[in-house]
Amino acid sequence: MTEAEQLLIAAADLNMKAAAAERNDRTVQVAPEVIRELAYWIEACGRITARAGGIRNTGPIEGPIEHAHDIARTHLGDSK
């Protein structure tokens, strides 16, 4: 199994846990390594955007990078 497949499986599992917790008005326990992986992904997308000069210049990966930007902005706040 590739790292990408492992990451997709982990993301699907986390989404299922979050959806179940939301339905049951509970919180989700998230392991630090999951938070670290998400933070790494958001940071990597930020670096790609910085090198490209903007989200619109990232070509075929524009969608995931824009999504990472939205997640960071929503949960970490705008950095000006």
N, C-alpha and C. Protein backbone atom coordinates (compact mmCIF):
# COMPACT_ATOMS: atom_id res chain seq x y z
N MET A 1 0.84 -1.18 0.00
CA MET A 1 0.00 0.00 0.00
C MET A 1 0.89 1.24 0.00
N THR A 2 0.55 2.20 -0.84
CA THR A 2 1.35 3.43 -0.92
C THR A 2 1.01 4.39 0.22
N GLU A 3 1.88 5.37 0.43
CA GLU A 3 1.62 6.39 1.45
C GLU A 3 0.35 7.16 1.14
N ALA A 4 0.11 7.42 -0.15
CA ALA A 4 -1.10 8.15 -0.56
C ALA A 4 -2.34 7.35 -0.19
N GLU A 5 -2.31 6.04 -0.45
CA GLU A 5 -3.46 5.19 -0.09
C GLU A 5 -3.67 5.17 1.41
N GLN A 6 -2.58 5.10 2.18
CA GLN A 6 -2.70 5.12 3.64
C GLN A 6 -3.31 6.43 4.11
N LEU A 7 -2.88 7.53 3.51
CA LEU A 7 -3.41 8.84 3.90
C LEU A 7 -4.89 8.96 3.56
N LEU A 8 -5.28 8.45 2.39
CA LEU A 8 -6.70 8.49 2.00
C LEU A 8 -7.55 7.64 2.93
N ILE A 9 -7.06 6.47 3.32
CA ILE A 9 -7.80 5.61 4.25
C ILE A 9 -7.94 6.30 5.60
N ALA A 10 -6.85 6.92 6.08
CA ALA A 10 -6.90 7.62 7.36
C ALA A 10 -7.86 8.80 7.31
N ALA A 11 -7.87 9.53 6.19
CA ALA A 11 -8.78 10.67 6.04
C ALA A 11 -10.23 10.19 6.04
N ALA A 12 -10.51 9.11 5.33
CA ALA A 12 -11.88 8.57 5.30
C ALA A 12 -12.31 8.12 6.69
N ASP A 13 -11.41 7.48 7.42
CA ASP A 13 -11.71 7.04 8.79
C ASP A 13 -12.00 8.23 9.70
N LEU A 14 -11.17 9.26 9.59
CA LEU A 14 -11.37 10.46 10.41
C LEU A 14 -12.69 11.14 10.07
N ASN A 15 -13.03 11.20 8.77
CA ASN A 15 -14.31 11.79 8.36
C ASN A 15 -15.49 11.00 8.92
N MET A 16 -15.40 9.67 8.90
CA MET A 16 -16.49 8.85 9.45
C MET A 16 -16.63 9.08 10.96
N LYS A 17 -15.51 9.15 11.66
CA LYS A 17 -15.56 9.39 13.11
C LYS A 17 -16.15 10.77 13.42
N ALA A 18 -15.75 11.75 12.64
CA ALA A 18 -16.26 13.11 12.86
C ALA A 18 -17.75 13.18 12.59
N ALA A 19 -18.20 12.54 11.52
CA ALA A 19 -19.63 12.55 11.19
C ALA A 19 -20.44 11.85 12.28
N ALA A 20 -19.95 10.71 12.77
CA ALA A 20 -20.65 9.98 13.83
C ALA A 20 -20.69 10.81 15.11
N ALA A 21 -19.58 11.46 15.45
CA ALA A 21 -19.53 12.28 16.65
C ALA A 21 -20.48 13.47 16.54
N GLU A 22 -20.53 14.07 15.35
CA GLU A 22 -21.43 15.20 15.14
C GLU A 22 -22.89 14.78 15.30
N ARG A 23 -23.23 13.63 14.74
CA ARG A 23 -24.61 13.12 14.87
C ARG A 23 -24.97 12.85 16.32
N ASN A 24 -23.99 12.41 17.10
CA ASN A 24 -24.23 12.05 18.51
C ASN A 24 -23.84 13.15 19.48
N ASP A 25 -23.54 14.34 18.96
CA ASP A 25 -23.17 15.49 19.79
C ASP A 25 -22.02 15.14 20.73
N ARG A 26 -20.99 14.52 20.16
CA ARG A 26 -19.79 14.14 20.93
C ARG A 26 -18.56 14.76 20.29
N THR A 27 -17.44 14.65 20.96
CA THR A 27 -16.18 15.13 20.39
C THR A 27 -15.41 13.94 19.82
N VAL A 28 -14.45 14.25 18.98
CA VAL A 28 -13.61 13.22 18.36
C VAL A 28 -12.23 13.30 18.98
N GLN A 29 -11.73 12.17 19.43
CA GLN A 29 -10.37 12.10 19.92
C GLN A 29 -9.45 11.90 18.72
N VAL A 30 -8.48 12.80 18.56
CA VAL A 30 -7.57 12.73 17.42
C VAL A 30 -6.15 12.60 17.94
N ALA A 31 -5.46 11.60 17.42
CA ALA A 31 -4.08 11.35 17.82
C ALA A 31 -3.17 12.49 17.33
N PRO A 32 -2.14 12.82 18.11
CA PRO A 32 -1.23 13.89 17.71
C PRO A 32 -0.62 13.69 16.32
N GLU A 33 -0.33 12.44 15.95
CA GLU A 33 0.27 12.22 14.63
C GLU A 33 -0.69 12.59 13.50
N VAL A 34 -2.00 12.50 13.74
CA VAL A 34 -2.98 12.91 12.73
C VAL A 34 -2.95 14.43 12.58
N ILE A 35 -2.92 15.13 13.69
CA ILE A 35 -2.84 16.58 13.66
C ILE A 35 -1.55 17.02 12.98
N ARG A 36 -0.46 16.34 13.29
CA ARG A 36 0.82 16.65 12.67
C ARG A 36 0.77 16.47 11.16
N GLU A 37 0.13 15.40 10.69
CA GLU A 37 0.01 15.12 9.26
C GLU A 37 -0.83 16.20 8.57
N LEU A 38 -1.95 16.57 9.20
CA LEU A 38 -2.80 17.62 8.63
C LEU A 38 -2.06 18.95 8.57
N ALA A 39 -1.35 19.26 9.65
CA ALA A 39 -0.59 20.51 9.68
C ALA A 39 0.49 20.51 8.61
N TYR A 40 1.15 19.37 8.43
CA TYR A 40 2.18 19.26 7.40
C TYR A 40 1.57 19.51 6.01
N TRP A 41 0.41 18.92 5.76
CA TRP A 41 -0.25 19.06 4.46
C TRP A 41 -0.61 20.52 4.20
N ILE A 42 -1.19 21.17 5.20
CA ILE A 42 -1.57 22.58 5.04
C ILE A 42 -0.32 23.43 4.81
N GLU A 43 0.75 23.15 5.57
CA GLU A 43 1.99 23.91 5.40
C GLU A 43 2.59 23.67 4.01
N ALA A 44 2.59 22.41 3.56
CA ALA A 44 3.12 22.09 2.23
C ALA A 44 2.35 22.84 1.15
N CYS A 45 1.03 22.87 1.28
CA CYS A 45 0.20 23.60 0.31
C CYS A 45 0.53 25.09 0.34
N GLY A 46 0.77 25.62 1.52
CA GLY A 46 1.14 27.03 1.65
C GLY A 46 2.46 27.32 0.96
N ARG A 47 3.43 26.42 1.11
CA ARG A 47 4.73 26.62 0.48
C ARG A 47 4.62 26.55 -1.05
N ILE A 48 3.80 25.62 -1.55
CA ILE A 48 3.59 25.51 -3.00
C ILE A 48 2.97 26.80 -3.52
N THR A 49 1.98 27.31 -2.79
CA THR A 49 1.31 28.55 -3.19
C THR A 49 2.29 29.72 -3.19
N ALA A 50 3.13 29.78 -2.17
CA ALA A 50 4.11 30.87 -2.09
C ALA A 50 5.08 30.81 -3.27
N ARG A 51 5.54 29.61 -3.61
CA ARG A 51 6.47 29.46 -4.74
C ARG A 51 5.79 29.82 -6.06
N ALA A 52 4.51 29.45 -6.17
CA ALA A 52 3.78 29.71 -7.42
C ALA A 52 3.34 31.16 -7.55
N GLY A 53 3.31 31.87 -6.44
CA GLY A 53 2.89 33.27 -6.47
C GLY A 53 1.41 33.47 -6.27
N GLY A 54 0.67 32.42 -6.00
CA GLY A 54 -0.77 32.51 -5.74
C GLY A 54 -1.46 31.20 -6.06
N ILE A 55 -2.62 31.01 -5.46
CA ILE A 55 -3.36 29.76 -5.64
C ILE A 55 -3.69 29.52 -7.11
N ARG A 56 -4.07 30.56 -7.82
CA ARG A 56 -4.47 30.40 -9.23
C ARG A 56 -3.32 29.94 -10.13
N ASN A 57 -2.09 30.12 -9.65
CA ASN A 57 -0.92 29.74 -10.45
C ASN A 57 -0.44 28.32 -10.17
N THR A 58 -1.16 27.57 -9.34
CA THR A 58 -0.70 26.23 -8.98
C THR A 58 -1.18 25.15 -9.94
N GLY A 59 -1.92 25.56 -10.97
CA GLY A 59 -2.30 24.62 -12.03
C GLY A 59 -3.23 23.52 -11.56
N PRO A 60 -2.88 22.28 -11.87
CA PRO A 60 -3.80 21.16 -11.62
C PRO A 60 -4.04 20.86 -10.13
N ILE A 61 -3.23 21.43 -9.25
CA ILE A 61 -3.44 21.17 -7.82
C ILE A 61 -4.12 22.34 -7.12
N GLU A 62 -4.70 23.24 -7.90
CA GLU A 62 -5.35 24.42 -7.35
C GLU A 62 -6.45 24.05 -6.35
N GLY A 63 -7.29 23.06 -6.67
CA GLY A 63 -8.41 22.69 -5.80
C GLY A 63 -7.98 22.27 -4.41
N PRO A 64 -7.09 21.28 -4.29
CA PRO A 64 -6.66 20.86 -2.95
C PRO A 64 -5.95 21.97 -2.18
N ILE A 65 -5.18 22.79 -2.88
CA ILE A 65 -4.48 23.89 -2.20
C ILE A 65 -5.47 24.93 -1.71
N GLU A 66 -6.47 25.23 -2.51
CA GLU A 66 -7.49 26.20 -2.08
C GLU A 66 -8.24 25.65 -0.87
N HIS A 67 -8.52 24.35 -0.87
CA HIS A 67 -9.21 23.73 0.26
C HIS A 67 -8.34 23.80 1.52
N ALA A 68 -7.06 23.51 1.39
CA ALA A 68 -6.15 23.60 2.54
C ALA A 68 -6.11 25.02 3.07
N HIS A 69 -6.11 25.99 2.17
CA HIS A 69 -6.12 27.40 2.57
C HIS A 69 -7.39 27.73 3.33
N ASP A 70 -8.52 27.24 2.85
CA ASP A 70 -9.80 27.48 3.53
C ASP A 70 -9.81 26.87 4.92
N ILE A 71 -9.29 25.64 5.05
CA ILE A 71 -9.22 24.99 6.36
C ILE A 71 -8.37 25.81 7.32
N ALA A 72 -7.20 26.21 6.85
CA ALA A 72 -6.31 26.99 7.71
C ALA A 72 -6.94 28.31 8.11
N ARG A 73 -7.54 29.00 7.14
CA ARG A 73 -8.16 30.30 7.43
C ARG A 73 -9.32 30.16 8.40
N THR A 74 -10.14 29.12 8.22
CA THR A 74 -11.31 28.92 9.07
C THR A 74 -10.91 28.55 10.50
N HIS A 75 -9.94 27.66 10.64
CA HIS A 75 -9.62 27.13 11.97
C HIS A 75 -8.44 27.81 12.64
N LEU A 76 -7.59 28.47 11.87
CA LEU A 76 -6.43 29.13 12.46
C LEU A 76 -6.49 30.63 12.38
N GLY A 77 -7.45 31.15 11.61
CA GLY A 77 -7.61 32.60 11.47
C GLY A 77 -6.80 33.14 10.32
N ASP A 78 -7.14 34.32 9.87
CA ASP A 78 -6.41 34.98 8.80
C ASP A 78 -5.08 35.50 9.33
N SER A 79 -4.04 35.31 8.56
CA SER A 79 -2.73 35.82 8.92
C SER A 79 -2.38 36.92 7.93
N LYS A 80 -2.25 38.11 8.42
CA LYS A 80 -2.00 39.25 7.53
C LYS A 80 -0.65 39.85 7.79
